[in-house]
């Protein structure tokens, strides 16, 4: 049990420090917000048309409008 706990702490701290800088996502610019809103609206439209694959792509793009 102690070994597992120690391993979890070591791996957890490495993962925390390995995260990329996402500070720009905490305060997205206006174009980023607008792009996210457009992707979300498109995703909603595709859901209404029952185009599940395309709607999933649009919703995922709304979460990361920088790509």
Protein backbone atom coordinates (compact mmCIF):
# COMPACT_ATOMS: atom_id res chain seq x y z
CA UNK A 1 0.00 0.00 0.00
CA UNK A 2 2.82 2.42 0.86
CA UNK A 3 4.56 1.67 -2.43
CA UNK A 4 1.38 2.40 -4.35
CA UNK A 5 0.88 5.67 -2.51
CA UNK A 6 4.47 6.72 -3.10
CA UNK A 7 4.20 5.83 -6.77
CA UNK A 8 0.95 7.78 -7.08
CA UNK A 9 2.54 10.86 -5.51
CA UNK A 10 5.59 10.68 -7.79
CA UNK A 11 3.58 10.17 -10.96
CA UNK A 12 1.06 12.80 -9.93
CA UNK A 13 3.68 15.46 -9.32
CA UNK A 14 5.34 14.70 -12.65
CA UNK A 15 2.03 15.02 -14.45
CA UNK A 16 1.30 18.34 -12.81
CA UNK A 17 4.64 19.74 -13.89
CA UNK A 18 4.34 18.26 -17.38
CA UNK A 19 1.20 20.18 -18.28
CA UNK A 20 1.58 22.67 -21.14
CA UNK A 21 1.02 26.35 -20.48
CA UNK A 22 -2.68 27.02 -20.95
CA UNK A 23 -2.84 30.51 -19.48
CA UNK A 24 -4.01 31.92 -22.80
CA UNK A 25 -7.08 29.67 -22.56
CA UNK A 26 -8.10 31.07 -19.17
CA UNK A 27 -8.71 34.47 -20.76
CA UNK A 28 -9.40 33.75 -24.43
CA UNK A 29 -9.31 36.60 -26.91
CA UNK A 30 -12.46 37.80 -28.62
CA UNK A 31 -11.66 35.94 -31.88
CA UNK A 32 -11.11 32.73 -29.88
CA UNK A 33 -14.47 33.13 -28.14
CA UNK A 34 -16.22 33.86 -31.44
CA UNK A 35 -14.64 30.82 -33.10
CA UNK A 36 -15.72 28.64 -30.17
CA UNK A 37 -19.27 29.99 -30.40
CA UNK A 38 -19.38 29.29 -34.14
CA UNK A 39 -18.19 25.72 -33.65
CA UNK A 40 -20.74 25.18 -30.88
CA UNK A 41 -23.57 26.55 -33.05
CA UNK A 42 -22.48 24.31 -35.92
CA UNK A 43 -22.33 21.33 -33.58
CA UNK A 44 -25.86 22.04 -32.40
CA UNK A 45 -27.09 22.32 -35.98
CA UNK A 46 -25.48 18.98 -36.87
CA UNK A 47 -27.09 17.33 -33.83
CA UNK A 48 -30.49 18.56 -35.00
CA UNK A 49 -29.71 17.03 -38.43
CA UNK A 50 -28.61 13.80 -36.68
CA UNK A 51 -25.10 14.02 -38.12
CA UNK A 52 -23.40 12.70 -35.00
CA UNK A 53 -19.82 12.36 -36.29
CA UNK A 54 -19.67 15.89 -37.64
CA UNK A 55 -21.35 17.34 -34.56
CA UNK A 56 -18.75 15.68 -32.32
CA UNK A 57 -15.95 17.22 -34.39
CA UNK A 58 -17.54 20.66 -34.10
CA UNK A 59 -18.08 20.39 -30.34
CA UNK A 60 -14.48 19.27 -29.85
CA UNK A 61 -13.31 22.19 -31.98
CA UNK A 62 -15.35 24.55 -29.80
CA UNK A 63 -13.34 23.41 -26.79
CA UNK A 64 -10.03 24.19 -28.50
CA UNK A 65 -10.60 27.02 -31.00
CA UNK A 66 -6.85 27.60 -31.49
CA UNK A 67 -6.50 24.63 -33.83
